[in-house]
Amino acid sequence: MNKLLDENLVFIDAEVTTSEDAINLMASRLGELGYVKDGYAQMVLDREKIFPTGLPGKSMCIAIPHTDPTLVVKPAIGVIVPKEPVEFSMMGEPDTKLQVSLIMPLVIKDPNKQIDLLRAMMHVIQDDDLLRAVRTSDSPREIVSLLHELDEA
């Protein structure tokens, strides 16, 4: 099975100030590495406006921006740890703004596996200690190791 996590898709202390910056940063790297085709960033941005992906957590908010698989070449999970929290609208409540400290873009190729991946993501999101460990890590390799259960989804 393909590994979803890739150290090359981990950004620590990212200099992003908006959700758009974060999505464009990840989409650019995804494109460079052959995970997605041109136009992917715009699809994610468009979807985020209608179906926002910010989620409140116990100690921090996270976002899981994603879109349909039309422009996906191979699946992946990215990790962006912004230097400062970034505003995302809350999933299910677009008027509620969250200060997001961890952004985990999902690049889904097979819609049939989306439910299993989202279930695994929810487990990660609810693990406060794990989120804090990811947020404070200074090593892409360590972050990939911490999130290993997502590779098994």
C-alpha atoms as a PDB file:
ATOM      1  CA  MET A   1       0.000   0.000   0.000  1.00  0.00           C
ATOM      2  CA  ASN A   2       1.182   3.513  -0.741  1.00  0.00           C
ATOM      3  CA  LYS A   3       2.378   5.534   2.193  1.00  0.00           C
ATOM      4  CA  LEU A   4       0.254   8.652   2.623  1.00  0.00           C
ATOM      5  CA  LEU A   5       2.774  10.518   4.758  1.00  0.00           C
ATOM      6  CA  ASP A   6       5.896  11.977   3.166  1.00  0.00           C
ATOM      7  CA  GLU A   7       8.511  14.070   4.979  1.00  0.00           C
ATOM      8  CA  ASN A   8       8.618  16.301   1.882  1.00  0.00           C
ATOM      9  CA  LEU A   9       5.006  17.276   2.624  1.00  0.00           C
ATOM     10  CA  VAL A  10       5.736  18.493   6.161  1.00  0.00           C
ATOM     11  CA  PHE A  11       6.192  22.217   6.748  1.00  0.00           C
ATOM     12  CA  ILE A  12       7.347  23.337  10.204  1.00  0.00           C
ATOM     13  CA  ASP A  13       7.087  27.004  11.293  1.00  0.00           C
ATOM     14  CA  ALA A  14       5.472  27.809   7.957  1.00  0.00           C
ATOM     15  CA  GLU A  15       5.263  31.508   7.169  1.00  0.00           C
ATOM     16  CA  VAL A  16       1.576  31.456   6.214  1.00  0.00           C
ATOM     17  CA  THR A  17      -0.890  34.098   7.394  1.00  0.00           C
ATOM     18  CA  THR A  18      -4.137  32.958   5.745  1.00  0.00           C
ATOM     19  CA  SER A  19      -5.861  29.694   4.916  1.00  0.00           C
ATOM     20  CA  GLU A  20      -5.257  30.522   1.248  1.00  0.00           C
ATOM     21  CA  ASP A  21      -1.509  30.836   1.879  1.00  0.00           C
ATOM     22  CA  ALA A  22      -1.476  27.433   3.576  1.00  0.00           C
ATOM     23  CA  ILE A  23      -3.479  25.736   0.821  1.00  0.00           C
ATOM     24  CA  ASN A  24      -1.331  27.290  -1.910  1.00  0.00           C
ATOM     25  CA  LEU A  25       1.889  26.315  -0.095  1.00  0.00           C
ATOM     26  CA  MET A  26       0.859  22.669   0.136  1.00  0.00           C
ATOM     27  CA  ALA A  27      -0.667  22.530  -3.362  1.00  0.00           C
ATOM     28  CA  SER A  28       2.547  23.918  -4.830  1.00  0.00           C
ATOM     29  CA  ARG A  29       4.650  21.221  -3.134  1.00  0.00           C
ATOM     30  CA  LEU A  30       2.115  18.524  -4.066  1.00  0.00           C
ATOM     31  CA  GLY A  31       2.348  19.634  -7.700  1.00  0.00           C
ATOM     32  CA  GLU A  32       6.165  19.714  -7.669  1.00  0.00           C
ATOM     33  CA  LEU A  33       6.275  16.156  -6.331  1.00  0.00           C
ATOM     34  CA  GLY A  34       3.683  14.797  -8.762  1.00  0.00           C
ATOM     35  CA  TYR A  35       0.832  14.192  -6.315  1.00  0.00           C
ATOM     36  CA  VAL A  36      -1.645  16.522  -8.041  1.00  0.00           C
ATOM     37  CA  LYS A  37      -2.280  18.192 -11.395  1.00  0.00           C
ATOM     38  CA  ASP A  38      -2.527  21.897 -12.191  1.00  0.00           C
ATOM     39  CA  GLY A  39      -5.653  23.520 -10.826  1.00  0.00           C
ATOM     40  CA  TYR A  40      -5.678  21.512  -7.592  1.00  0.00           C
ATOM     41  CA  ALA A  41      -5.077  24.541  -5.348  1.00  0.00           C
ATOM     42  CA  GLN A  42      -8.031  26.413  -6.837  1.00  0.00           C
ATOM     43  CA  MET A  43     -10.303  23.387  -6.380  1.00  0.00           C
ATOM     44  CA  VAL A  44      -9.366  23.174  -2.693  1.00  0.00           C
ATOM     45  CA  LEU A  45      -9.821  26.935  -2.222  1.00  0.00           C
ATOM     46  CA  ASP A  46     -13.232  26.826  -3.917  1.00  0.00           C
ATOM     47  CA  ARG A  47     -14.370  23.878  -1.785  1.00  0.00           C
ATOM     48  CA  GLU A  48     -13.108  25.527   1.411  1.00  0.00           C
ATOM     49  CA  LYS A  49     -15.427  28.505   0.763  1.00  0.00           C
ATOM     50  CA  ILE A  50     -18.488  26.225   0.589  1.00  0.00           C
ATOM     51  CA  PHE A  51     -17.454  23.387   2.909  1.00  0.00           C
ATOM     52  CA  PRO A  52     -14.888  24.740   5.391  1.00  0.00           C
ATOM     53  CA  THR A  53     -12.616  22.271   7.152  1.00  0.00           C
ATOM     54  CA  GLY A  54     -11.632  23.910  10.454  1.00  0.00           C
ATOM     55  CA  LEU A  55     -12.204  21.730  13.516  1.00  0.00           C
ATOM     56  CA  PRO A  56     -12.062  22.815  17.161  1.00  0.00           C
ATOM     57  CA  GLY A  57      -9.909  20.707  19.457  1.00  0.00           C
ATOM     58  CA  LYS A  58      -9.242  20.571  23.187  1.00  0.00           C
ATOM     59  CA  SER A  59      -5.883  22.342  23.078  1.00  0.00           C
ATOM     60  CA  MET A  60      -5.775  23.557  19.485  1.00  0.00           C
ATOM     61  CA  CYS A  61      -7.846  23.844  16.341  1.00  0.00           C
ATOM     62  CA  ILE A  62      -6.886  21.990  13.203  1.00  0.00           C
ATOM     63  CA  ALA A  63      -7.986  22.110   9.565  1.00  0.00           C
ATOM     64  CA  ILE A  64      -8.129  19.304   7.016  1.00  0.00           C
ATOM     65  CA  PRO A  65      -8.521  21.025   3.634  1.00  0.00           C
ATOM     66  CA  HIS A  66      -9.321  18.673   0.762  1.00  0.00           C
ATOM     67  CA  THR A  67     -11.347  18.354  -2.431  1.00  0.00           C
ATOM     68  CA  ASP A  68     -12.621  15.683  -4.807  1.00  0.00           C
ATOM     69  CA  PRO A  69     -10.074  13.414  -6.540  1.00  0.00           C
ATOM     70  CA  THR A  70     -10.423  14.871 -10.051  1.00  0.00           C
ATOM     71  CA  LEU A  71      -6.885  16.320 -10.115  1.00  0.00           C
ATOM     72  CA  VAL A  72      -5.229  13.841  -7.736  1.00  0.00           C
ATOM     73  CA  VAL A  73      -2.490  11.618  -9.172  1.00  0.00           C
ATOM     74  CA  LYS A  74      -1.625   9.804  -5.928  1.00  0.00           C
ATOM     75  CA  PRO A  75      -2.948  10.101  -2.369  1.00  0.00           C
ATOM     76  CA  ALA A  76      -1.129  11.879   0.452  1.00  0.00           C
ATOM     77  CA  ILE A  77      -1.507  13.652   3.764  1.00  0.00           C
ATOM     78  CA  GLY A  78       0.346  16.900   4.274  1.00  0.00           C
ATOM     79  CA  VAL A  79       1.230  18.622   7.531  1.00  0.00           C
ATOM     80  CA  ILE A  80       1.619  22.365   7.972  1.00  0.00           C
ATOM     81  CA  VAL A  81       2.615  23.724  11.353  1.00  0.00           C
ATOM     82  CA  PRO A  82       2.185  27.487  10.913  1.00  0.00           C
ATOM     83  CA  LYS A  83       4.480  29.843  12.817  1.00  0.00           C
ATOM     84  CA  GLU A  84       1.327  31.638  14.043  1.00  0.00           C
ATOM     85  CA  PRO A  85      -2.270  30.306  14.024  1.00  0.00           C
ATOM     86  CA  VAL A  86      -4.175  30.782  10.774  1.00  0.00           C
ATOM     87  CA  GLU A  87      -7.892  31.559  10.486  1.00  0.00           C
ATOM     88  CA  PHE A  88     -10.121  28.868   8.957  1.00  0.00           C
ATOM     89  CA  SER A  89     -13.904  28.710   8.993  1.00  0.00           C
ATOM     90  CA  MET A  90     -15.359  25.924  11.083  1.00  0.00           C
ATOM     91  CA  MET A  91     -16.697  22.757   9.459  1.00  0.00           C
ATOM     92  CA  GLY A  92     -20.502  22.922   9.486  1.00  0.00           C
ATOM     93  CA  GLU A  93     -20.506  26.522  10.790  1.00  0.00           C
ATOM     94  CA  PRO A  94     -18.875  28.730   8.135  1.00  0.00           C
ATOM     95  CA  ASP A  95     -19.540  31.930  10.092  1.00  0.00           C
ATOM     96  CA  THR A  96     -17.485  30.644  13.032  1.00  0.00           C
ATOM     97  CA  LYS A  97     -13.793  31.440  12.618  1.00  0.00           C
ATOM     98  CA  LEU A  98     -11.133  29.288  14.257  1.00  0.00           C
ATOM     99  CA  GLN A  99      -7.471  30.035  14.912  1.00  0.00           C
ATOM    100  CA  VAL A 100      -5.876  26.890  13.490  1.00  0.00           C
ATOM    101  CA  SER A 101      -2.494  25.698  14.789  1.00  0.00           C
ATOM    102  CA  LEU A 102      -2.168  22.540  12.694  1.00  0.00           C
ATOM    103  CA  ILE A 103      -3.215  22.090   9.057  1.00  0.00           C
ATOM    104  CA  MET A 104      -3.382  18.596   7.590  1.00  0.00           C
ATOM    105  CA  PRO A 105      -4.401  18.677   3.925  1.00  0.00           C
ATOM    106  CA  LEU A 106      -5.866  15.392   2.721  1.00  0.00           C
ATOM    107  CA  VAL A 107      -5.160  14.373  -0.865  1.00  0.00           C
ATOM    108  CA  ILE A 108      -7.711  11.668  -1.565  1.00  0.00           C
ATOM    109  CA  LYS A 109      -7.493   9.556  -4.724  1.00  0.00           C
ATOM    110  CA  ASP A 110      -9.999   6.781  -3.939  1.00  0.00           C
ATOM    111  CA  PRO A 111     -13.322   8.095  -2.573  1.00  0.00           C
ATOM    112  CA  ASN A 112     -14.039   4.603  -1.184  1.00  0.00           C
ATOM    113  CA  LYS A 113     -11.116   4.970   1.225  1.00  0.00           C
ATOM    114  CA  GLN A 114     -12.111   8.482   2.287  1.00  0.00           C
ATOM    115  CA  ILE A 115     -14.316   7.293   5.164  1.00  0.00           C
ATOM    116  CA  ASP A 116     -11.547   5.136   6.674  1.00  0.00           C
ATOM    117  CA  LEU A 117      -9.066   7.987   6.357  1.00  0.00           C
ATOM    118  CA  LEU A 118     -11.452  10.494   7.933  1.00  0.00           C
ATOM    119  CA  ARG A 119     -12.122   8.037  10.768  1.00  0.00           C
ATOM    120  CA  ALA A 120      -8.368   7.737  11.398  1.00  0.00           C
ATOM    121  CA  MET A 121      -8.058  11.536  11.199  1.00  0.00           C
ATOM    122  CA  MET A 122     -10.776  11.942  13.831  1.00  0.00           C
ATOM    123  CA  HIS A 123      -8.831   9.620  16.128  1.00  0.00           C
ATOM    124  CA  VAL A 124      -5.733  11.812  15.671  1.00  0.00           C
ATOM    125  CA  ILE A 125      -7.736  15.016  16.155  1.00  0.00           C
ATOM    126  CA  GLN A 126      -9.104  13.731  19.468  1.00  0.00           C
ATOM    127  CA  ASP A 127      -5.626  12.785  20.762  1.00  0.00           C
ATOM    128  CA  ASP A 128      -4.553  15.998  22.456  1.00  0.00           C
ATOM    129  CA  ASP A 129      -1.107  14.710  23.441  1.00  0.00           C
ATOM    130  CA  LEU A 130      -0.412  13.579  19.889  1.00  0.00           C
ATOM    131  CA  LEU A 131      -1.478  16.942  18.433  1.00  0.00           C
ATOM    132  CA  ARG A 132       0.750  18.802  20.891  1.00  0.00           C
ATOM    133  CA  ALA A 133       3.674  16.508  20.023  1.00  0.00           C
ATOM    134  CA  VAL A 134       3.186  17.182  16.305  1.00  0.00           C
ATOM    135  CA  ARG A 135       2.810  20.924  16.898  1.00  0.00           C
ATOM    136  CA  THR A 136       6.017  21.178  18.949  1.00  0.00           C
ATOM    137  CA  SER A 137       8.181  18.845  16.857  1.00  0.00           C
ATOM    138  CA  ASP A 138      11.035  20.334  14.863  1.00  0.00           C
ATOM    139  CA  SER A 139      11.546  17.244  12.694  1.00  0.00           C
ATOM    140  CA  PRO A 140       9.523  16.182   9.632  1.00  0.00           C
ATOM    141  CA  ARG A 141      10.679  12.592  10.233  1.00  0.00           C
ATOM    142  CA  GLU A 142       9.362  12.688  13.814  1.00  0.00           C
ATOM    143  CA  ILE A 143       6.020  14.135  12.667  1.00  0.00           C
ATOM    144  CA  VAL A 144       5.613  11.360  10.078  1.00  0.00           C
ATOM    145  CA  SER A 145       6.452   8.815  12.780  1.00  0.00           C
ATOM    146  CA  LEU A 146       3.970  10.356  15.240  1.00  0.00           C
ATOM    147  CA  LEU A 147       1.190  10.180  12.631  1.00  0.00           C
ATOM    148  CA  HIS A 148       2.010   6.628  11.448  1.00  0.00           C
ATOM    149  CA  GLU A 149      -1.509   5.370  12.157  1.00  0.00           C
ATOM    150  CA  LEU A 150      -2.770   7.480   9.239  1.00  0.00           C
ATOM    151  CA  ASP A 151      -0.645   5.396   6.877  1.00  0.00           C
ATOM    152  CA  GLU A 152      -2.609   2.356   8.019  1.00  0.00           C
ATOM    153  CA  ALA A 153      -6.021   3.874   7.282  1.00  0.00           C
END
